[in-house]
Amino acid sequence: MMFHATMNRPAVLLWAVLFASVLPVMAHADPAPAEFCDTIVKIQSTLSSSIPLQAMGPKAARATADKQLAVVGPLYEAARKSAPGEIASAVQTIAAVTGKSLSALDFAATQTADYAAADHAVDGIMKADCGFHALDVTASNYEYQNVPEEVPQGKTAVTLANKGDEVHELSVARINDNVKLSAREVLSLPIKESLASVALLGYVTAAPGSSETTFVNLSPGRYYIVCFVPRGTSSFHSRGKGTPHVMLGMLKEFVVK
């Protein structure tokens, strides 16, 4: 949900891949306060607002990481203080790993079982308590299913359920209001023009048979979701060499009202 390490370098919008184990939503007594829910969305937005740091040159990556650290450091502290008691330690784990990863530009710690368990614990509370809209998308080989043409504005839990036998991802982008091109036309532009045409909002990736969630704040406008994972990627440790899934049909547009 909150921070991911990059799996490869596609043309645009490929975040990274986190190996996550499934943790059931815990029964709990302390509902998450609105302050906590809103803070997590702000953290997600900050960490998803650029292309992967690993896809940048060293100077650009360092500058971007420093900017992100300056924003998310205080936000994580606020999240830790406002978190329900049973996930306070999970938030602390995620904050520590994120800070270390950004400082060192080394993201191996985001791929551990401990991090995955903390991530799923926070996701479960967010989905249960925050009162966000839900956008539940199913991925197969090679299409997105259950994506409505219109989605309500506001904070939204976007969950990707992978029913296929390859890794799939879901990158959320809002097309800028002054851009009249379709999503496919935007993605066909040179990288700098493509990135200048959208706002990057969130990213989630799921192994075959698993589900993952990201949290975004959707304002009115045109959006798309896209998957750049190459064909033949059967796990997070076995990257395929085939055609990116977007070229096989994994691109969907929708409107937020």
Protein backbone atom coordinates (compact mmCIF):
# COMPACT_ATOMS: atom_id res chain seq x y z
CA MET A 1 0.00 0.00 0.00
CA MET A 2 2.47 2.64 1.11
CA PHE A 3 5.82 2.01 -0.47
CA HIS A 4 7.05 -0.33 -3.14
CA ALA A 5 10.35 -1.29 -4.75
CA THR A 6 10.67 -1.19 -8.52
CA MET A 7 10.55 -4.40 -10.51
CA ASN A 8 11.63 -3.13 -13.93
CA ARG A 9 11.79 -0.03 -16.15
CA PRO A 10 8.85 0.31 -18.53
CA ALA A 11 8.21 3.42 -20.59
CA VAL A 12 6.00 5.00 -17.96
CA LEU A 13 4.24 4.45 -14.69
CA LEU A 14 5.70 1.12 -13.53
CA TRP A 15 6.09 1.12 -9.81
CA ALA A 16 7.69 -1.62 -8.00
CA VAL A 17 6.90 -4.95 -6.82
CA LEU A 18 6.36 -5.98 -3.23
CA PHE A 19 6.29 -9.63 -2.21
CA ALA A 20 3.36 -9.74 0.22
CA SER A 21 1.84 -12.47 2.29
CA VAL A 22 -1.88 -12.44 3.00
CA LEU A 23 -2.93 -11.35 6.48
CA PRO A 24 -6.59 -11.60 7.50
CA VAL A 25 -8.31 -8.44 8.66
CA MET A 26 -8.07 -8.42 12.43
CA ALA A 27 -11.01 -7.93 14.73
CA HIS A 28 -10.45 -4.70 16.60
CA ALA A 29 -12.00 -2.41 19.12
CA ASP A 30 -10.55 0.98 18.19
CA PRO A 31 -11.91 2.38 14.90
CA ALA A 32 -9.41 4.33 12.85
CA PRO A 33 -9.95 8.08 13.30
CA ALA A 34 -10.45 10.29 10.26
CA GLU A 35 -7.10 11.97 10.91
CA PHE A 36 -5.29 8.65 10.54
CA CYS A 37 -7.20 7.71 7.38
CA ASP A 38 -6.52 11.07 5.74
CA THR A 39 -2.84 10.98 6.68
CA ILE A 40 -2.30 7.59 5.08
CA VAL A 41 -3.85 8.86 1.84
CA LYS A 42 -1.47 11.85 1.89
CA ILE A 43 1.51 9.53 2.37
CA GLN A 44 0.34 7.33 -0.48
CA SER A 45 -0.10 10.36 -2.73
CA THR A 46 3.39 11.66 -1.98
CA LEU A 47 5.14 8.35 -2.60
CA SER A 48 3.18 7.76 -5.82
CA SER A 49 3.63 11.20 -7.35
CA SER A 50 6.76 10.44 -9.41
CA ILE A 51 8.10 7.72 -11.62
CA PRO A 52 10.11 5.08 -9.72
CA LEU A 53 13.26 6.43 -8.15
CA GLN A 54 15.17 3.49 -9.60
CA ALA A 55 14.24 4.65 -13.10
CA MET A 56 15.88 8.06 -12.51
CA GLY A 57 19.47 9.13 -12.73
CA PRO A 58 21.36 9.29 -9.41
CA LYS A 59 21.01 13.05 -8.93
CA ALA A 60 17.31 13.12 -9.79
CA ALA A 61 16.62 10.11 -7.58
CA ARG A 62 18.44 11.69 -4.65
CA ALA A 63 16.60 14.99 -5.04
CA THR A 64 13.21 13.31 -5.37
CA ALA A 65 13.83 11.01 -2.40
CA ASP A 66 14.86 13.97 -0.24
CA LYS A 67 11.67 15.83 -1.16
CA GLN A 68 9.55 12.80 -0.36
CA LEU A 69 11.32 12.27 2.95
CA ALA A 70 10.70 15.87 3.95
CA VAL A 71 6.97 15.39 3.39
CA VAL A 72 6.33 11.86 4.62
CA GLY A 73 8.49 12.06 7.75
CA PRO A 74 6.07 14.32 9.64
CA LEU A 75 3.10 12.51 8.09
CA TYR A 76 4.27 9.15 9.39
CA GLU A 77 4.73 10.65 12.83
CA ALA A 78 1.16 11.95 12.70
CA ALA A 79 -0.06 8.56 11.50
CA ARG A 80 1.75 6.77 14.31
CA LYS A 81 0.16 9.03 16.92
CA SER A 82 -3.37 8.71 15.51
CA ALA A 83 -3.29 5.00 14.59
CA PRO A 84 -5.56 2.52 16.37
CA GLY A 85 -3.58 0.71 19.04
CA GLU A 86 -3.39 -2.68 17.35
CA ILE A 87 -1.65 -1.31 14.25
CA ALA A 88 0.59 1.31 15.87
CA SER A 89 3.58 -1.03 15.62
CA ALA A 90 2.74 -1.82 11.98
CA VAL A 91 2.72 1.88 11.13
CA GLN A 92 6.06 2.26 12.92
CA THR A 93 7.52 -0.62 10.89
CA ILE A 94 6.35 0.88 7.60
CA ALA A 95 7.60 4.35 8.56
CA ALA A 96 11.04 3.05 9.53
CA VAL A 97 11.44 0.95 6.38
CA THR A 98 10.26 3.79 4.14
CA GLY A 99 12.63 6.28 5.74
CA LYS A 100 15.57 3.90 5.49
CA SER A 101 14.76 3.01 1.89
CA LEU A 102 14.48 6.62 0.77
CA SER A 103 17.62 7.65 2.64
CA ALA A 104 19.74 4.86 1.20
CA LEU A 105 17.93 4.48 -2.13
CA ASP A 106 17.90 0.78 -1.32
CA PHE A 107 14.47 -0.85 -1.32
CA ALA A 108 15.24 -4.44 -0.34
CA ALA A 109 13.60 -3.99 3.07
CA THR A 110 10.24 -3.34 1.40
CA GLN A 111 10.24 -6.93 0.13
CA THR A 112 10.41 -8.69 3.49
CA ALA A 113 7.65 -10.71 5.13
CA ASP A 114 7.63 -8.36 8.15
CA TYR A 115 6.99 -5.36 5.93
CA ALA A 116 4.30 -7.21 4.00
CA ALA A 117 2.52 -8.21 7.21
CA ALA A 118 2.59 -4.62 8.49
CA ASP A 119 1.30 -3.34 5.17
CA HIS A 120 -1.61 -5.78 5.15
CA ALA A 121 -2.50 -4.99 8.76
CA VAL A 122 -2.82 -1.29 7.97
CA ASP A 123 -4.73 -1.99 4.75
CA GLY A 124 -7.24 -4.10 6.64
CA ILE A 125 -8.00 -1.40 9.19
CA MET A 126 -8.20 1.27 6.49
CA LYS A 127 -10.72 -0.72 4.46
CA ALA A 128 -12.79 -1.60 7.52
CA ASP A 129 -12.87 1.74 9.31
CA CYS A 130 -12.19 4.70 7.05
CA GLY A 131 -15.50 4.80 5.18
CA PHE A 132 -13.84 5.24 1.79
CA HIS A 133 -15.47 4.34 -1.50
CA ALA A 134 -14.43 0.93 -2.80
CA LEU A 135 -13.25 0.22 -6.33
CA ASP A 136 -12.69 -3.53 -6.60
CA VAL A 137 -10.96 -4.49 -9.83
CA THR A 138 -10.28 -8.02 -11.05
CA ALA A 139 -7.26 -8.73 -13.22
CA SER A 140 -6.92 -11.73 -15.52
CA ASN A 141 -4.72 -12.56 -18.50
CA TYR A 142 -4.97 -9.91 -19.99
CA GLU A 143 -7.78 -7.59 -18.99
CA TYR A 144 -9.27 -5.62 -16.14
CA GLN A 145 -12.79 -6.57 -15.11
CA ASN A 146 -15.45 -4.82 -13.00
CA VAL A 147 -14.25 -1.31 -13.86
CA PRO A 148 -17.28 1.00 -14.02
CA GLU A 149 -17.51 3.79 -16.55
CA GLU A 150 -18.18 6.28 -13.74
CA VAL A 151 -16.70 6.33 -10.23
CA PRO A 152 -17.73 8.69 -7.38
CA GLN A 153 -15.28 11.35 -6.31
CA GLY A 154 -13.58 11.16 -2.95
CA LYS A 155 -11.16 8.96 -1.05
CA THR A 156 -11.22 5.46 -2.45
CA ALA A 157 -9.78 2.06 -1.61
CA VAL A 158 -8.72 0.53 -4.92
CA THR A 159 -8.27 -3.22 -4.62
CA LEU A 160 -6.76 -5.40 -7.33
CA ALA A 161 -7.70 -9.09 -7.20
CA ASN A 162 -5.43 -11.13 -9.45
CA LYS A 163 -7.29 -14.10 -10.94
CA GLY A 164 -4.69 -14.74 -13.62
CA ASP A 165 -1.55 -16.86 -13.59
CA GLU A 166 0.85 -13.94 -14.05
CA VAL A 167 1.71 -10.94 -11.87
CA HIS A 168 -0.52 -7.94 -12.60
CA GLU A 169 -0.39 -4.32 -11.53
CA LEU A 170 -2.75 -1.38 -11.47
CA SER A 171 -1.37 2.13 -11.87
CA VAL A 172 -3.89 4.95 -11.38
CA ALA A 173 -3.42 8.19 -13.32
CA ARG A 174 -5.62 11.25 -13.76
CA ILE A 175 -5.45 12.86 -17.21
CA ASN A 176 -4.92 16.61 -16.92
CA ASP A 177 -7.98 18.72 -17.69
CA ASN A 178 -6.29 20.48 -20.61
CA VAL A 179 -5.39 17.18 -22.30
CA LYS A 180 -7.95 15.95 -24.83
CA LEU A 181 -6.17 12.76 -25.81
CA SER A 182 -7.35 9.29 -24.92
CA ALA A 183 -5.42 7.22 -22.38
CA ARG A 184 -3.83 5.15 -25.13
CA GLU A 185 -2.79 8.31 -26.98
CA VAL A 186 -1.28 9.73 -23.78
CA LEU A 187 0.72 6.57 -23.22
CA SER A 188 1.94 6.70 -26.82
CA LEU A 189 3.59 10.09 -26.29
CA PRO A 190 7.31 10.46 -25.51
CA ILE A 191 7.92 9.79 -21.83
CA LYS A 192 8.28 13.42 -20.72
CA GLU A 193 5.14 14.48 -22.58
CA SER A 194 3.21 11.51 -21.28
CA LEU A 195 4.15 12.21 -17.67
CA ALA A 196 3.37 15.92 -18.12
CA SER A 197 -0.13 14.97 -19.29
CA VAL A 198 -1.18 13.15 -16.13
CA ALA A 199 -1.05 13.14 -12.35
CA LEU A 200 0.20 9.87 -10.89
CA LEU A 201 -1.97 8.91 -7.93
CA GLY A 202 -1.45 5.34 -6.85
CA TYR A 203 -0.08 1.92 -7.63
CA VAL A 204 -0.73 -1.63 -6.57
CA THR A 205 0.61 -4.98 -7.76
CA ALA A 206 -0.62 -8.50 -7.00
CA ALA A 207 0.79 -11.98 -7.44
CA PRO A 208 -1.43 -14.68 -8.96
CA GLY A 209 -4.24 -15.55 -6.57
CA SER A 210 -3.69 -12.55 -4.27
CA SER A 211 -5.28 -9.14 -3.69
CA GLU A 212 -3.66 -5.80 -2.85
CA THR A 213 -5.07 -2.34 -2.07
CA THR A 214 -3.99 1.23 -2.62
CA PHE A 215 -5.73 4.37 -1.33
CA VAL A 216 -6.32 7.41 -3.53
CA ASN A 217 -8.25 10.67 -3.44
CA LEU A 218 -10.19 10.97 -6.70
CA SER A 219 -11.27 14.40 -7.92
CA PRO A 220 -13.63 14.86 -10.89
CA GLY A 221 -11.97 14.16 -14.22
CA ARG A 222 -10.76 11.46 -16.60
CA TYR A 223 -8.66 8.58 -15.35
CA TYR A 224 -7.08 5.37 -16.50
CA ILE A 225 -5.61 2.26 -14.94
CA VAL A 226 -2.81 0.38 -16.68
CA CYS A 227 -0.54 -2.65 -16.30
CA PHE A 228 3.01 -2.64 -17.69
CA VAL A 229 4.15 -6.02 -16.38
CA PRO A 230 5.75 -8.00 -19.22
CA ARG A 231 4.08 -11.17 -20.39
CA GLY A 232 5.51 -14.29 -18.79
CA THR A 233 6.04 -12.76 -15.32
CA SER A 234 4.84 -15.63 -13.17
CA SER A 235 6.16 -14.28 -9.85
CA PHE A 236 7.92 -11.27 -8.38
CA HIS A 237 11.21 -13.11 -8.75
CA SER A 238 10.72 -14.27 -12.32
CA ARG A 239 10.33 -11.34 -14.71
CA GLY A 240 9.01 -12.22 -18.13
CA LYS A 241 10.43 -10.97 -21.40
CA GLY A 242 7.22 -10.73 -23.38
CA THR A 243 4.94 -7.93 -24.49
CA PRO A 244 3.85 -5.50 -21.74
CA HIS A 245 0.33 -6.31 -20.59
CA VAL A 246 -0.90 -2.86 -21.65
CA MET A 247 -0.31 -3.89 -25.25
CA LEU A 248 -2.44 -6.99 -24.69
CA GLY A 249 -5.45 -5.09 -23.37
CA MET A 250 -4.75 -4.10 -19.77
CA LEU A 251 -5.78 -0.45 -20.03
CA LYS A 252 -9.09 0.98 -18.85
CA GLU A 253 -10.46 4.51 -18.77
CA PHE A 254 -13.13 5.79 -16.39
CA VAL A 255 -14.62 9.10 -15.34
CA VAL A 256 -14.85 10.41 -11.79
CA LYS A 257 -17.87 12.58 -11.00
